[in-house]
Amino acid sequence: MLLNQSSVEANSIAATFPGLSAGEQECDVILCTVHVVRTWIKNIYHGPLLKKMTCAMHKLTQIGCDEVVKDAITNCPVQANAKYIARNYAGNSKKWVLWARQHSPLLLQVTSTNPLESYHSELKTKTSRAHGLIGEGFVIINVDILSLSCHFSL
C-alpha cells in the first residue's frame, strides 16, 4: 500500500491485513516519497543532513541506505535532528527507500500519492450534497473521463 505519512492509515492497514500470521498474503506499507521529503524539510534543520537523507532514499541496496543513514545520525551536529532520524527512519527504511521497490517496476515509477490526491481534490471541488446520489455519480464519471483524457493525451 502506497500511503502518505499517516500513522492512522498505516495502523488500519496492519489491522485489516495481518499477513502470514493470519494465513494471508503479506501487505507492506510504502510511504510516498513526496510526503517523506516534505516531512524532512519541516523537521530537519541541518541542510547537509537533508541532502544525506535524500541520498539514502535513492540508494539501490539496503546496506548502502543503512550506511548513509547511520553516517547521517553519527555526524549530525544538531542532536535533535539526529534523534529524529534515529527514531523515525533508521531501521524501517523498507517503508521509505527506493531499494525496497526494486521488485516492482510499477512502484519504481509511481513513488508518490500526488495523482490520487489530485483526483480526490477534483472530486471535492466538483461535488455537493445538493447533487444527490445520482448527480454525484454523474460528477464522478465526468471527473474520471476528464482524468483519463488528460493521461492519454500526453
Protein backbone atom coordinates (compact mmCIF):
# COMPACT_ATOMS: atom_id res chain seq x y z
CA MET A 1 0.00 0.00 0.00
CA LEU A 2 1.38 3.37 -1.03
CA LEU A 3 0.48 5.93 1.65
CA ASN A 4 1.29 9.41 2.76
CA GLN A 5 2.78 9.51 6.26
CA SER A 6 -0.47 8.92 8.11
CA SER A 7 0.10 6.59 11.06
CA VAL A 8 -3.67 6.13 11.34
CA GLU A 9 -3.83 4.74 7.79
CA ALA A 10 -0.74 2.56 8.34
CA ASN A 11 -2.15 1.11 11.57
CA SER A 12 -5.53 0.42 9.99
CA ILE A 13 -3.87 -1.40 7.09
CA ALA A 14 -1.83 -3.51 9.53
CA ALA A 15 -5.03 -4.38 11.43
CA THR A 16 -7.01 -5.13 8.26
CA PHE A 17 -4.30 -7.17 6.54
CA PRO A 18 -2.49 -9.11 9.30
CA GLY A 19 -0.37 -11.10 6.84
CA LEU A 20 1.12 -14.56 7.13
CA SER A 21 0.27 -14.94 10.82
CA ALA A 22 -3.42 -15.00 9.80
CA GLY A 23 -2.82 -17.14 6.72
CA GLU A 24 -2.97 -14.19 4.33
CA GLN A 25 -0.56 -12.62 1.86
CA GLU A 26 1.83 -10.02 3.27
CA CYS A 27 0.84 -6.39 2.76
CA ASP A 28 3.65 -3.85 3.06
CA VAL A 29 3.13 -0.16 3.72
CA ILE A 30 5.27 2.01 1.45
CA LEU A 31 5.42 5.75 2.04
CA CYS A 32 5.00 8.41 -0.62
CA THR A 33 8.43 9.90 -1.37
CA VAL A 34 6.98 13.39 -1.78
CA HIS A 35 5.41 13.28 1.70
CA VAL A 36 8.61 11.90 3.24
CA VAL A 37 10.72 14.70 1.76
CA ARG A 38 8.15 17.35 2.80
CA THR A 39 8.27 15.98 6.35
CA TRP A 40 12.07 16.12 6.30
CA ILE A 41 12.02 19.73 5.10
CA LYS A 42 9.79 20.64 8.07
CA ASN A 43 11.69 18.63 10.70
CA ILE A 44 15.35 18.60 9.66
CA TYR A 45 17.03 21.95 10.18
CA HIS A 46 20.52 20.96 9.03
CA GLY A 47 20.89 21.27 5.23
CA PRO A 48 23.69 18.68 4.77
CA LEU A 49 21.65 16.14 6.76
CA LEU A 50 18.67 16.68 4.46
CA LYS A 51 20.94 16.02 1.47
CA LYS A 52 22.27 12.83 3.07
CA MET A 53 18.79 11.54 3.79
CA THR A 54 17.75 12.27 0.19
CA CYS A 55 20.83 10.35 -0.95
CA ALA A 56 19.83 7.45 1.35
CA MET A 57 16.34 7.44 -0.17
CA HIS A 58 17.82 6.88 -3.63
CA LYS A 59 20.21 4.07 -2.69
CA LEU A 60 19.64 0.84 -4.58
CA THR A 61 20.56 -1.52 -1.73
CA GLN A 62 19.52 -1.78 1.90
CA ILE A 63 23.14 -1.94 3.04
CA GLY A 64 24.03 1.26 1.18
CA CYS A 65 20.99 3.04 2.57
CA ASP A 66 21.61 1.90 6.15
CA GLU A 67 25.23 3.09 5.94
CA VAL A 68 24.20 6.57 4.76
CA VAL A 69 21.53 6.86 7.48
CA LYS A 70 23.98 5.69 10.16
CA ASP A 71 26.56 8.21 8.91
CA ALA A 72 23.93 10.97 8.89
CA ILE A 73 22.99 10.23 12.51
CA THR A 74 26.59 9.90 13.71
CA ASN A 75 27.91 13.05 12.05
CA CYS A 76 24.92 15.36 12.54
CA PRO A 77 25.85 18.45 14.59
CA VAL A 78 22.20 19.07 15.54
CA GLN A 79 21.36 16.49 18.21
CA ALA A 80 17.58 16.94 17.84
CA ASN A 81 17.80 16.10 14.13
CA ALA A 82 19.96 13.03 14.79
CA LYS A 83 17.42 11.75 17.35
CA TYR A 84 14.55 12.44 14.93
CA ILE A 85 16.21 10.43 12.14
CA ALA A 86 17.16 7.59 14.51
CA ARG A 87 13.65 7.37 15.94
CA ASN A 88 11.64 7.69 12.73
CA TYR A 89 13.77 6.50 9.81
CA ALA A 90 16.60 4.23 10.95
CA GLY A 91 15.54 0.59 10.96
CA ASN A 92 12.41 0.99 8.83
CA SER A 93 13.92 2.03 5.51
CA LYS A 94 11.83 -0.59 3.71
CA LYS A 95 8.92 1.84 4.01
CA TRP A 96 10.54 4.95 2.53
CA VAL A 97 13.55 3.98 0.40
CA LEU A 98 13.56 3.17 -3.29
CA TRP A 99 15.63 -0.01 -2.85
CA ALA A 100 12.56 -1.66 -1.34
CA ARG A 101 10.66 -1.10 -4.59
CA GLN A 102 13.14 -2.86 -6.89
CA HIS A 103 10.86 -5.90 -7.20
CA SER A 104 8.11 -3.84 -8.82
CA PRO A 105 8.60 -1.68 -11.93
CA LEU A 106 5.27 -0.02 -11.14
CA LEU A 107 6.40 1.04 -7.65
CA LEU A 108 9.61 2.45 -9.11
CA GLN A 109 7.54 4.62 -11.46
CA VAL A 110 4.75 5.58 -9.05
CA THR A 111 6.56 6.86 -5.96
CA SER A 112 4.02 9.47 -4.93
CA THR A 113 0.36 9.67 -3.97
CA ASN A 114 0.07 13.07 -5.71
CA PRO A 115 -2.05 11.82 -8.65
CA LEU A 116 -4.57 10.26 -6.26
CA GLU A 117 -4.64 13.36 -4.07
CA SER A 118 -5.20 15.48 -7.15
CA TYR A 119 -8.12 13.25 -8.15
CA HIS A 120 -9.65 13.50 -4.65
CA SER A 121 -9.22 17.27 -4.68
CA GLU A 122 -11.05 17.46 -8.01
CA LEU A 123 -13.90 15.35 -6.64
CA LYS A 124 -14.17 17.55 -3.53
CA THR A 125 -14.41 20.74 -5.56
CA LYS A 126 -16.93 19.38 -8.08
CA THR A 127 -19.31 17.53 -5.77
CA SER A 128 -22.00 18.86 -3.48
CA ARG A 129 -24.61 17.44 -1.13
CA ALA A 130 -27.23 19.18 -3.26
CA HIS A 131 -26.49 16.88 -6.22
CA GLY A 132 -27.99 13.78 -4.63
CA LEU A 133 -26.70 10.25 -5.24
CA ILE A 134 -27.37 10.15 -8.99
CA GLY A 135 -25.97 13.64 -9.52
CA GLU A 136 -22.83 12.70 -7.58
CA GLY A 137 -22.46 9.64 -9.80
CA PHE A 138 -22.52 11.82 -12.91
CA VAL A 139 -19.96 14.22 -11.43
CA ILE A 140 -17.61 11.32 -10.59
CA ILE A 141 -17.99 9.87 -14.09
CA ASN A 142 -17.20 13.27 -15.64
CA VAL A 143 -14.11 13.70 -13.44
CA ASP A 144 -12.97 10.18 -14.39
CA ILE A 145 -13.45 10.88 -18.10
CA LEU A 146 -11.56 14.17 -17.79
CA SER A 147 -8.78 12.45 -15.83
CA LEU A 148 -8.44 9.69 -18.42
CA SER A 149 -8.41 12.11 -21.35
CA CYS A 150 -5.61 14.10 -19.69
CA HIS A 151 -3.50 10.97 -19.16
CA PHE A 152 -3.90 9.64 -22.68
CA SER A 153 -3.38 12.96 -24.45
CA LEU A 154 0.22 13.25 -23.16
